[in-house]
N, C-alpha and C. Protein backbone atom coordinates (compact mmCIF):
# COMPACT_ATOMS: atom_id res chain seq x y z
N UNK A 1 -39.34 27.31 11.91
CA UNK A 1 -38.37 26.51 12.48
C UNK A 1 -36.90 26.95 11.97
N UNK A 2 -36.77 27.21 10.65
CA UNK A 2 -35.54 27.59 10.15
C UNK A 2 -34.98 29.00 10.76
N UNK A 3 -35.98 29.91 11.09
CA UNK A 3 -35.53 31.16 11.63
C UNK A 3 -34.93 30.95 13.07
N UNK A 4 -35.49 30.00 13.81
CA UNK A 4 -35.02 29.72 15.11
C UNK A 4 -33.62 29.08 14.99
N UNK A 5 -33.34 28.19 13.99
CA UNK A 5 -32.22 27.56 13.86
C UNK A 5 -31.01 28.49 13.32
N UNK A 6 -31.43 29.55 12.77
CA UNK A 6 -30.48 30.51 12.20
C UNK A 6 -29.64 31.18 13.28
N UNK A 7 -30.25 31.27 14.49
CA UNK A 7 -29.61 31.94 15.59
C UNK A 7 -28.72 31.07 16.41
N UNK A 8 -28.63 29.80 16.07
CA UNK A 8 -27.85 28.86 16.79
C UNK A 8 -26.37 28.85 16.33
N UNK A 9 -25.50 28.56 17.15
CA UNK A 9 -24.06 28.49 16.77
C UNK A 9 -23.87 27.31 15.93
N UNK A 10 -22.80 27.17 15.17
CA UNK A 10 -22.53 25.97 14.37
C UNK A 10 -22.45 24.76 15.25
N UNK A 11 -21.95 24.88 16.29
CA UNK A 11 -21.77 23.68 17.27
C UNK A 11 -23.16 23.20 17.74
N UNK A 12 -24.06 24.06 18.01
CA UNK A 12 -25.41 23.80 18.49
C UNK A 12 -26.10 23.17 17.29
N UNK A 13 -25.95 23.68 16.06
CA UNK A 13 -26.60 23.11 14.85
C UNK A 13 -26.06 21.66 14.59
N UNK A 14 -24.80 21.56 14.74
CA UNK A 14 -24.19 20.22 14.51
C UNK A 14 -24.73 19.14 15.48
N UNK A 15 -24.93 19.61 16.68
CA UNK A 15 -25.53 18.59 17.65
C UNK A 15 -26.88 18.19 17.21
N UNK A 16 -27.55 19.00 16.51
CA UNK A 16 -29.00 18.65 15.99
C UNK A 16 -28.80 17.82 14.80
N UNK A 17 -27.67 18.08 13.99
CA UNK A 17 -27.41 17.30 12.82
C UNK A 17 -27.25 15.87 13.25
N UNK A 18 -26.41 15.73 14.34
CA UNK A 18 -26.04 14.45 14.87
C UNK A 18 -27.27 13.67 15.17
N UNK A 19 -28.43 14.42 15.53
CA UNK A 19 -29.62 13.76 15.94
C UNK A 19 -30.52 13.64 14.67
N UNK A 20 -29.92 13.79 13.52
CA UNK A 20 -30.67 13.58 12.14
C UNK A 20 -31.57 14.70 11.84
N UNK A 21 -31.33 15.82 12.40
CA UNK A 21 -32.23 16.97 12.14
C UNK A 21 -31.84 17.62 10.70
N UNK A 22 -32.77 17.40 9.76
CA UNK A 22 -32.37 17.92 8.47
C UNK A 22 -32.48 19.39 8.29
N UNK A 23 -33.35 19.99 9.09
CA UNK A 23 -33.42 21.37 9.04
C UNK A 23 -32.15 22.10 9.46
N UNK A 24 -31.55 21.59 10.56
CA UNK A 24 -30.28 22.00 11.02
C UNK A 24 -29.23 21.86 9.98
N UNK A 25 -29.14 20.74 9.39
CA UNK A 25 -28.24 20.46 8.32
C UNK A 25 -28.31 21.41 7.15
N UNK A 26 -29.57 21.73 6.77
CA UNK A 26 -29.86 22.66 5.65
C UNK A 26 -29.25 24.13 6.07
N UNK A 27 -29.49 24.50 7.39
CA UNK A 27 -28.96 25.76 7.86
C UNK A 27 -27.48 25.83 7.74
N UNK A 28 -26.78 24.76 8.24
CA UNK A 28 -25.36 24.66 8.05
C UNK A 28 -24.90 24.68 6.68
N UNK A 29 -25.64 23.97 5.81
CA UNK A 29 -25.26 23.98 4.46
C UNK A 29 -25.37 25.41 3.81
N UNK A 30 -26.41 26.07 4.01
CA UNK A 30 -26.59 27.26 3.56
C UNK A 30 -25.51 28.34 4.10
N UNK A 31 -25.19 28.13 5.41
CA UNK A 31 -24.14 29.04 5.94
C UNK A 31 -22.90 28.93 5.41
N UNK A 32 -22.50 27.70 4.94
CA UNK A 32 -21.05 27.46 4.50
C UNK A 32 -20.94 27.19 3.05
N UNK A 33 -22.00 26.92 2.31
CA UNK A 33 -21.98 26.60 0.96
C UNK A 33 -21.24 27.59 0.09
N UNK A 34 -21.57 28.79 0.15
CA UNK A 34 -21.05 29.90 -0.69
C UNK A 34 -19.63 30.06 -0.47
N UNK A 35 -19.16 30.22 0.70
CA UNK A 35 -17.65 30.46 0.97
C UNK A 35 -16.84 29.14 0.54
N UNK A 36 -17.37 28.02 0.77
CA UNK A 36 -16.75 26.73 0.54
C UNK A 36 -16.57 26.60 -1.03
N UNK A 37 -17.66 26.91 -1.78
CA UNK A 37 -17.66 26.79 -3.20
C UNK A 37 -16.62 27.81 -3.81
N UNK A 38 -16.69 29.04 -3.16
CA UNK A 38 -15.78 30.02 -3.70
C UNK A 38 -14.30 29.63 -3.61
N UNK A 39 -14.04 29.08 -2.41
CA UNK A 39 -12.66 28.61 -2.13
C UNK A 39 -12.28 27.52 -2.96
N UNK A 40 -13.20 26.56 -3.22
CA UNK A 40 -12.84 25.41 -4.07
C UNK A 40 -12.60 25.82 -5.52
N UNK A 41 -13.51 26.81 -6.04
CA UNK A 41 -13.26 27.31 -7.36
C UNK A 41 -11.91 27.77 -7.57
N UNK A 42 -11.25 28.45 -6.62
CA UNK A 42 -10.02 28.94 -6.71
C UNK A 42 -8.93 27.83 -6.87
N UNK A 43 -9.24 26.73 -6.44
CA UNK A 43 -8.32 25.68 -6.29
C UNK A 43 -8.39 24.67 -7.55
N UNK A 44 -9.66 24.40 -7.95
CA UNK A 44 -9.81 23.36 -9.02
C UNK A 44 -10.71 23.85 -10.24
N UNK A 45 -11.05 25.08 -10.16
CA UNK A 45 -12.00 25.59 -11.25
C UNK A 45 -13.42 25.41 -10.86
N UNK A 46 -14.28 26.05 -11.69
CA UNK A 46 -15.69 26.00 -11.34
C UNK A 46 -16.43 24.69 -11.62
N UNK A 47 -16.00 24.01 -12.64
CA UNK A 47 -16.66 22.78 -13.04
C UNK A 47 -16.83 21.77 -11.82
N UNK A 48 -15.81 21.37 -11.15
CA UNK A 48 -15.87 20.44 -10.11
C UNK A 48 -16.16 20.96 -8.75
N UNK A 49 -16.12 22.29 -8.65
CA UNK A 49 -16.24 22.94 -7.23
C UNK A 49 -17.57 22.56 -6.53
N UNK A 50 -18.62 22.71 -7.28
CA UNK A 50 -19.96 22.49 -6.56
C UNK A 50 -20.06 21.01 -6.19
N UNK A 51 -19.61 20.10 -7.07
CA UNK A 51 -19.69 18.69 -6.74
C UNK A 51 -18.85 18.37 -5.51
N UNK A 52 -17.61 18.98 -5.43
CA UNK A 52 -16.70 18.63 -4.25
C UNK A 52 -17.35 19.16 -3.07
N UNK A 53 -18.02 20.29 -3.03
CA UNK A 53 -18.71 20.85 -1.68
C UNK A 53 -19.82 19.95 -1.56
N UNK A 54 -20.72 19.57 -2.46
CA UNK A 54 -21.72 18.58 -2.15
C UNK A 54 -21.21 17.32 -1.57
N UNK A 55 -20.10 16.85 -2.11
CA UNK A 55 -19.54 15.58 -1.54
C UNK A 55 -19.16 15.71 -0.04
N UNK A 56 -18.61 16.85 0.23
CA UNK A 56 -18.22 17.15 1.60
C UNK A 56 -19.51 17.09 2.49
N UNK A 57 -20.55 17.77 2.20
CA UNK A 57 -21.70 17.81 3.00
C UNK A 57 -22.34 16.49 2.99
N UNK A 58 -22.35 15.61 1.88
CA UNK A 58 -22.88 14.40 1.85
C UNK A 58 -22.10 13.50 2.85
N UNK A 59 -20.88 13.62 2.90
CA UNK A 59 -19.93 12.88 3.82
C UNK A 59 -20.28 13.24 5.22
N UNK A 60 -20.45 14.44 5.43
CA UNK A 60 -20.84 14.89 6.81
C UNK A 60 -22.21 14.32 7.25
N UNK A 61 -23.12 14.28 6.33
CA UNK A 61 -24.47 13.80 6.72
C UNK A 61 -24.31 12.34 6.92
N UNK A 62 -23.71 11.61 5.99
CA UNK A 62 -23.69 10.23 6.23
C UNK A 62 -22.82 9.60 7.44
N UNK A 63 -21.91 10.50 7.80
CA UNK A 63 -21.04 10.10 9.00
C UNK A 63 -21.42 10.97 10.22
N UNK A 64 -22.58 11.62 10.19
CA UNK A 64 -22.82 12.55 11.36
C UNK A 64 -22.80 11.96 12.66
N UNK A 65 -23.17 10.64 12.86
CA UNK A 65 -23.20 10.09 14.07
C UNK A 65 -21.82 9.64 14.60
N UNK A 66 -20.80 9.53 13.66
CA UNK A 66 -19.60 9.16 13.99
C UNK A 66 -18.47 10.29 14.22
N UNK A 67 -18.95 11.54 13.81
CA UNK A 67 -17.97 12.58 13.78
C UNK A 67 -17.92 13.15 15.24
N UNK A 68 -16.65 13.16 15.76
CA UNK A 68 -16.42 13.72 17.08
C UNK A 68 -16.19 15.26 16.89
N UNK A 69 -16.25 16.04 17.99
CA UNK A 69 -16.01 17.52 17.86
C UNK A 69 -14.92 18.02 18.71
N UNK A 70 -13.78 17.77 18.25
CA UNK A 70 -12.60 18.35 19.03
C UNK A 70 -12.38 19.64 18.74
N UNK A 71 -12.59 20.13 17.51
CA UNK A 71 -12.43 21.42 17.03
C UNK A 71 -13.71 22.15 16.56
N UNK A 72 -13.60 23.41 16.38
CA UNK A 72 -14.86 24.17 15.91
C UNK A 72 -15.32 23.53 14.52
N UNK A 73 -16.58 23.59 14.29
CA UNK A 73 -17.18 22.97 13.07
C UNK A 73 -16.64 23.69 11.87
N UNK A 74 -16.40 24.97 11.89
CA UNK A 74 -15.90 25.65 10.67
C UNK A 74 -14.47 25.19 10.23
N UNK A 75 -13.79 24.76 11.28
CA UNK A 75 -12.38 24.20 10.98
C UNK A 75 -12.50 22.81 10.53
N UNK A 76 -13.43 22.12 11.01
CA UNK A 76 -13.65 20.75 10.60
C UNK A 76 -14.14 20.73 9.17
N UNK A 77 -15.01 21.55 8.85
CA UNK A 77 -15.48 21.64 7.46
C UNK A 77 -14.35 22.00 6.46
N UNK A 78 -13.59 22.94 6.89
CA UNK A 78 -12.50 23.34 6.05
C UNK A 78 -11.57 22.16 5.85
N UNK A 79 -11.14 21.46 6.88
CA UNK A 79 -10.34 20.33 6.86
C UNK A 79 -10.80 19.33 5.95
N UNK A 80 -12.07 18.87 6.04
CA UNK A 80 -12.67 17.93 5.17
C UNK A 80 -12.71 18.49 3.68
N UNK A 81 -12.99 19.74 3.56
CA UNK A 81 -12.96 20.25 2.19
C UNK A 81 -11.61 20.17 1.60
N UNK A 82 -10.63 20.63 2.31
CA UNK A 82 -9.25 20.59 1.90
C UNK A 82 -8.81 19.08 1.50
N UNK A 83 -9.20 18.17 2.33
CA UNK A 83 -8.85 16.78 1.93
C UNK A 83 -9.58 16.36 0.69
N UNK A 84 -10.75 16.70 0.54
CA UNK A 84 -11.57 16.46 -0.59
C UNK A 84 -10.95 17.04 -1.85
N UNK A 85 -10.47 18.26 -1.79
CA UNK A 85 -9.83 18.86 -2.95
C UNK A 85 -8.60 18.25 -3.25
N UNK A 86 -7.72 17.79 -2.28
CA UNK A 86 -6.61 17.10 -2.50
C UNK A 86 -6.81 15.70 -3.20
N UNK A 87 -7.85 15.03 -2.74
CA UNK A 87 -8.32 13.76 -3.30
C UNK A 87 -8.63 13.96 -4.82
N UNK A 88 -9.35 15.06 -5.10
CA UNK A 88 -9.70 15.33 -6.47
C UNK A 88 -8.47 15.68 -7.27
N UNK A 89 -7.61 16.48 -6.72
CA UNK A 89 -6.40 16.91 -7.53
C UNK A 89 -5.43 15.69 -7.73
N UNK A 90 -5.52 14.80 -6.72
CA UNK A 90 -4.60 13.61 -6.97
C UNK A 90 -5.13 12.71 -8.08
N UNK A 91 -6.36 12.85 -8.45
CA UNK A 91 -6.90 12.21 -9.61
C UNK A 91 -6.79 12.81 -10.96
N UNK A 92 -6.23 13.98 -10.96
CA UNK A 92 -6.02 14.79 -12.20
C UNK A 92 -4.63 14.72 -12.69
N UNK A 93 -4.44 15.10 -13.82
CA UNK A 93 -3.09 15.13 -14.51
C UNK A 93 -2.19 16.12 -13.82
N UNK A 94 -2.81 17.28 -13.55
CA UNK A 94 -1.95 18.50 -13.07
C UNK A 94 -1.91 18.70 -11.65
N UNK A 95 -1.81 17.51 -10.91
CA UNK A 95 -1.79 17.70 -9.47
C UNK A 95 -0.77 18.42 -8.84
N UNK A 96 0.44 18.48 -9.36
CA UNK A 96 1.51 19.32 -8.75
C UNK A 96 1.22 20.76 -8.77
N UNK A 97 0.65 21.24 -9.93
CA UNK A 97 0.28 22.73 -10.03
C UNK A 97 -0.77 23.08 -8.96
N UNK A 98 -1.69 22.21 -8.77
CA UNK A 98 -2.88 22.59 -7.86
C UNK A 98 -2.38 22.39 -6.37
N UNK A 99 -1.57 21.39 -6.17
CA UNK A 99 -1.07 21.07 -4.75
C UNK A 99 -0.32 22.30 -4.15
N UNK A 100 0.52 22.85 -5.05
CA UNK A 100 1.22 23.96 -4.61
C UNK A 100 0.40 25.27 -4.16
N UNK A 101 -0.82 25.23 -4.69
CA UNK A 101 -1.79 26.37 -4.37
C UNK A 101 -2.48 26.16 -3.08
N UNK A 102 -2.37 24.97 -2.34
CA UNK A 102 -3.01 24.71 -1.13
C UNK A 102 -2.26 25.19 0.10
N UNK A 103 -2.18 26.43 0.39
CA UNK A 103 -1.44 27.12 1.41
C UNK A 103 -2.30 27.08 2.59
N UNK A 104 -1.71 26.90 3.80
CA UNK A 104 -2.47 27.08 5.00
C UNK A 104 -3.04 28.41 5.30
N UNK A 105 -2.35 29.45 4.62
CA UNK A 105 -2.78 30.90 4.86
C UNK A 105 -4.21 31.09 4.14
N UNK A 106 -4.71 30.14 3.36
CA UNK A 106 -5.95 30.20 2.64
C UNK A 106 -7.09 30.18 3.65
N UNK A 107 -6.89 29.67 4.73
CA UNK A 107 -7.89 29.74 5.86
C UNK A 107 -8.35 31.11 6.02
N UNK A 108 -7.52 32.01 6.01
CA UNK A 108 -7.90 33.49 6.26
C UNK A 108 -8.79 33.95 5.23
N UNK A 109 -8.83 33.51 4.09
CA UNK A 109 -9.60 33.92 2.98
C UNK A 109 -10.90 33.05 2.85
N UNK A 110 -11.02 32.02 3.79
CA UNK A 110 -12.16 31.16 3.65
C UNK A 110 -13.44 31.83 4.04
N UNK A 111 -13.29 32.70 5.05
CA UNK A 111 -14.46 33.39 5.54
C UNK A 111 -13.97 34.66 6.24
N UNK A 112 -14.27 35.87 5.74
CA UNK A 112 -13.85 37.05 6.32
C UNK A 112 -14.85 37.70 7.10
N UNK A 113 -16.08 37.05 7.47
CA UNK A 113 -17.10 37.63 8.23
C UNK A 113 -16.66 37.90 9.55
N UNK A 114 -17.38 38.86 10.22
CA UNK A 114 -17.18 39.15 11.66
C UNK A 114 -17.25 37.87 12.49
N UNK A 115 -18.28 37.06 12.17
CA UNK A 115 -18.48 35.88 12.84
C UNK A 115 -17.25 34.90 12.85
N UNK A 116 -16.63 34.89 11.68
CA UNK A 116 -15.35 34.01 11.47
C UNK A 116 -14.25 34.71 12.37
N UNK A 117 -14.10 35.98 12.29
CA UNK A 117 -13.11 36.63 13.20
C UNK A 117 -13.26 36.37 14.54
N UNK A 118 -14.59 36.38 15.06
CA UNK A 118 -14.77 36.17 16.50
C UNK A 118 -14.34 34.62 16.77
N UNK A 119 -14.80 33.74 15.85
CA UNK A 119 -14.38 32.31 16.12
C UNK A 119 -12.84 32.19 16.08
N UNK A 120 -12.20 32.82 15.28
CA UNK A 120 -10.73 32.70 15.34
C UNK A 120 -10.22 33.24 16.59
N UNK A 121 -10.77 34.23 17.09
CA UNK A 121 -10.19 34.83 18.27
C UNK A 121 -10.47 34.00 19.49
N UNK A 122 -11.68 33.32 19.43
CA UNK A 122 -11.95 32.39 20.48
C UNK A 122 -11.09 31.17 20.40
N UNK A 123 -10.78 30.77 19.19
CA UNK A 123 -9.95 29.56 19.09
C UNK A 123 -8.51 29.80 19.57
N UNK A 124 -8.08 31.03 19.19
CA UNK A 124 -6.74 31.43 19.61
C UNK A 124 -6.71 31.43 21.20
N UNK A 125 -7.81 32.09 21.76
CA UNK A 125 -7.89 32.04 23.13
C UNK A 125 -7.80 30.72 23.80
N UNK A 126 -8.55 29.80 23.17
CA UNK A 126 -8.59 28.39 23.70
C UNK A 126 -7.12 27.74 23.60
N UNK A 127 -6.38 28.06 22.49
CA UNK A 127 -5.17 27.44 22.38
C UNK A 127 -4.25 28.09 23.42
N UNK A 128 -4.30 29.36 23.69
CA UNK A 128 -3.46 30.00 24.62
C UNK A 128 -3.71 29.40 26.00
N UNK A 129 -4.98 29.16 26.32
CA UNK A 129 -5.35 28.60 27.62
C UNK A 129 -4.66 27.07 27.69
N UNK A 130 -4.72 26.40 26.64
CA UNK A 130 -4.16 25.11 26.55
C UNK A 130 -2.77 25.12 26.69
N UNK A 131 -2.10 26.10 26.14
CA UNK A 131 -0.57 26.29 26.39
C UNK A 131 -0.18 26.72 27.77
N UNK A 132 -1.21 27.32 28.43
CA UNK A 132 -0.90 27.64 29.91
C UNK A 132 -0.50 26.40 30.78
N UNK A 133 -0.80 25.20 30.22
CA UNK A 133 -0.42 23.94 30.88
C UNK A 133 1.06 23.81 30.85
N UNK A 134 1.73 24.39 29.90
CA UNK A 134 3.16 24.33 29.78
C UNK A 134 3.81 25.55 30.43
N UNK A 135 5.15 25.76 30.20
CA UNK A 135 5.70 26.87 30.83
C UNK A 135 5.27 28.23 30.14
N UNK A 136 5.58 29.28 30.73
CA UNK A 136 5.15 30.60 30.34
C UNK A 136 5.56 31.05 28.95
N UNK A 137 6.65 30.45 28.47
CA UNK A 137 7.09 30.75 27.11
C UNK A 137 6.58 29.76 26.03
N UNK A 138 5.60 29.10 26.29
CA UNK A 138 5.03 28.06 25.32
C UNK A 138 4.58 28.75 24.08
N UNK A 139 3.73 29.71 24.27
CA UNK A 139 3.14 30.39 23.06
C UNK A 139 4.32 31.01 22.09
N UNK A 140 5.20 31.74 22.83
CA UNK A 140 6.31 32.28 22.12
C UNK A 140 7.15 31.21 21.25
N UNK A 141 7.43 30.12 21.99
CA UNK A 141 8.23 29.01 21.39
C UNK A 141 7.49 28.50 20.08
N UNK A 142 6.21 28.19 20.22
CA UNK A 142 5.44 27.78 19.04
C UNK A 142 5.33 28.85 17.97
N UNK A 143 5.05 30.02 18.38
CA UNK A 143 4.89 31.10 17.29
C UNK A 143 6.22 31.30 16.55
N UNK A 144 7.40 31.34 17.27
CA UNK A 144 8.63 31.59 16.62
C UNK A 144 8.98 30.35 15.74
N UNK A 145 8.74 29.13 16.17
CA UNK A 145 8.88 27.96 15.45
C UNK A 145 8.18 28.03 14.07
N UNK A 146 6.85 28.45 14.17
CA UNK A 146 6.07 28.47 12.95
C UNK A 146 6.53 29.62 12.03
N UNK A 147 7.17 30.61 12.65
CA UNK A 147 7.63 31.66 11.71
C UNK A 147 8.97 31.48 11.21
N UNK A 148 9.55 30.20 11.40
CA UNK A 148 10.77 29.72 10.84
C UNK A 148 12.01 30.07 11.67
N UNK A 149 11.86 30.45 12.90
CA UNK A 149 13.04 30.74 13.70
C UNK A 149 13.66 29.34 14.09
N UNK A 150 15.00 29.24 14.07
CA UNK A 150 15.69 28.09 14.52
C UNK A 150 15.74 28.01 16.12
N UNK A 151 15.92 26.82 16.62
CA UNK A 151 15.92 26.59 18.01
C UNK A 151 16.87 27.56 18.78
N UNK A 152 18.00 27.63 18.15
CA UNK A 152 19.09 28.58 18.80
C UNK A 152 18.62 29.99 18.91
N UNK A 153 17.97 30.53 17.81
CA UNK A 153 17.40 31.86 17.83
C UNK A 153 16.27 32.05 18.91
N UNK A 154 15.50 30.99 19.03
CA UNK A 154 14.43 31.18 20.08
C UNK A 154 15.02 31.08 21.39
N UNK A 155 16.03 30.15 21.57
CA UNK A 155 16.66 30.11 22.89
C UNK A 155 17.30 31.42 23.31
N UNK A 156 18.04 31.99 22.39
CA UNK A 156 18.64 33.38 22.65
C UNK A 156 17.55 34.31 23.04
N UNK A 157 16.56 34.41 22.36
CA UNK A 157 15.43 35.35 22.67
C UNK A 157 14.74 35.19 24.13
N UNK A 158 14.68 33.88 24.47
CA UNK A 158 14.02 33.56 25.79
C UNK A 158 14.95 33.37 26.81
N UNK A 159 16.34 33.41 26.49
CA UNK A 159 17.36 33.22 27.43
C UNK A 159 17.34 31.74 28.04
N UNK A 160 17.09 30.79 27.13
CA UNK A 160 17.13 29.45 27.58
C UNK A 160 18.10 28.62 26.67
N UNK A 161 18.32 27.31 27.01
CA UNK A 161 19.23 26.50 26.24
C UNK A 161 18.48 25.95 24.91
N UNK A 162 19.21 25.69 23.88
CA UNK A 162 18.60 25.15 22.77
C UNK A 162 17.98 23.75 22.99
N UNK A 163 18.59 22.96 23.95
CA UNK A 163 17.97 21.63 24.27
C UNK A 163 16.58 21.98 24.93
N UNK A 164 16.49 22.85 25.75
CA UNK A 164 15.24 23.16 26.50
C UNK A 164 14.17 23.60 25.46
N UNK A 165 14.47 24.39 24.50
CA UNK A 165 13.58 24.81 23.42
C UNK A 165 13.07 23.60 22.60
N UNK A 166 14.02 22.76 22.32
CA UNK A 166 13.71 21.60 21.38
C UNK A 166 12.85 20.75 22.20
N UNK A 167 13.07 20.40 23.40
CA UNK A 167 12.25 19.53 24.26
C UNK A 167 10.87 20.14 24.50
N UNK A 168 10.75 21.42 24.82
CA UNK A 168 9.57 22.02 25.08
C UNK A 168 8.73 22.11 23.79
N UNK A 169 9.39 22.47 22.68
CA UNK A 169 8.60 22.46 21.41
C UNK A 169 8.02 21.12 21.01
N UNK A 170 8.74 20.11 21.21
CA UNK A 170 8.30 18.88 20.94
C UNK A 170 7.09 18.31 21.75
N UNK A 171 7.17 18.76 23.09
CA UNK A 171 6.02 18.34 23.86
C UNK A 171 4.79 19.13 23.51
N UNK A 172 4.97 20.41 23.34
CA UNK A 172 3.88 21.27 22.98
C UNK A 172 3.34 20.84 21.64
N UNK A 173 3.99 20.72 20.62
CA UNK A 173 3.51 20.36 19.27
C UNK A 173 2.80 18.94 19.40
N UNK A 174 3.34 18.07 20.07
CA UNK A 174 2.70 16.72 20.22
C UNK A 174 1.28 16.90 20.91
N UNK A 175 1.23 17.68 21.92
CA UNK A 175 -0.01 17.99 22.61
C UNK A 175 -1.07 18.60 21.66
N UNK A 176 -0.64 19.69 21.04
CA UNK A 176 -1.54 20.32 20.11
C UNK A 176 -2.09 19.61 18.84
N UNK A 177 -1.15 18.74 18.38
CA UNK A 177 -1.59 17.90 17.30
C UNK A 177 -2.52 16.96 17.60
N UNK A 178 -2.50 16.49 18.89
CA UNK A 178 -3.58 15.60 19.46
C UNK A 178 -4.91 16.21 19.75
N UNK A 179 -4.86 17.52 19.87
CA UNK A 179 -6.11 18.30 20.14
C UNK A 179 -6.70 18.89 18.93
N UNK A 180 -5.95 19.46 18.05
CA UNK A 180 -6.39 20.27 16.97
C UNK A 180 -5.88 19.74 15.62
N UNK A 181 -6.63 20.13 14.61
CA UNK A 181 -6.14 19.79 13.23
C UNK A 181 -4.95 20.54 12.95
N UNK A 182 -3.92 19.96 12.53
CA UNK A 182 -2.51 20.57 12.34
C UNK A 182 -2.54 21.70 11.42
N UNK A 183 -3.17 21.56 10.20
CA UNK A 183 -3.06 22.68 9.25
C UNK A 183 -3.78 24.00 9.79
N UNK A 184 -4.84 23.77 10.46
CA UNK A 184 -5.64 24.89 10.84
C UNK A 184 -4.94 25.57 12.01
N UNK A 185 -4.33 24.73 12.88
CA UNK A 185 -3.54 25.29 14.04
C UNK A 185 -2.42 26.18 13.58
N UNK A 186 -1.70 25.65 12.60
CA UNK A 186 -0.67 26.37 12.10
C UNK A 186 -1.04 27.69 11.50
N UNK A 187 -2.10 27.70 10.69
CA UNK A 187 -2.56 28.85 10.02
C UNK A 187 -2.96 29.90 10.97
N UNK A 188 -3.51 29.57 12.07
CA UNK A 188 -3.93 30.45 13.21
C UNK A 188 -2.66 31.07 13.98
N UNK A 189 -1.75 30.20 14.25
CA UNK A 189 -0.66 30.62 15.02
C UNK A 189 0.32 31.54 14.30
N UNK A 190 0.35 31.38 13.00
CA UNK A 190 1.26 32.26 12.23
C UNK A 190 0.77 33.63 12.13
N UNK A 191 -0.55 33.82 12.12
CA UNK A 191 -1.11 35.17 11.92
C UNK A 191 -0.95 36.02 13.16
């Protein structure tokens, strides 16, 4: 049974998890446990890392029937893990030191496997197709915004008014935030 499940995508496995399939849950756990623990160790040290990752998976299992799937499961897991790390850090004395280390760029180091790179590429393609709903400059506007360009600089590059850039950017960001996890979206668009 486990061999058959190994060949399923994360999303297919998660559908089985939502149906209370413990074998599918174990496959997902085995697939993500190591990189999640490795990431967590870098943020809070080795002592609490395993417990934090176990807490994430316990939360996933206990809320499996209520979890929607707007984004890819790997992104969802990272988001839950990041929130759990922040909760943990908030309860420690040295929270400001640790909070400074939680960069959105860390998602790139979360999993460097070929599978992860393919998922990132698919996610970027999905975002680009979502941005096709807007004007042809939407992707450029968002990328430049996230790279720190000012509205005036973007306007000059695209030969548009600053007000147009501001309005377009606002509409696009509002739409993307409603569809995707903000931190993950930003880390992908910057790269």
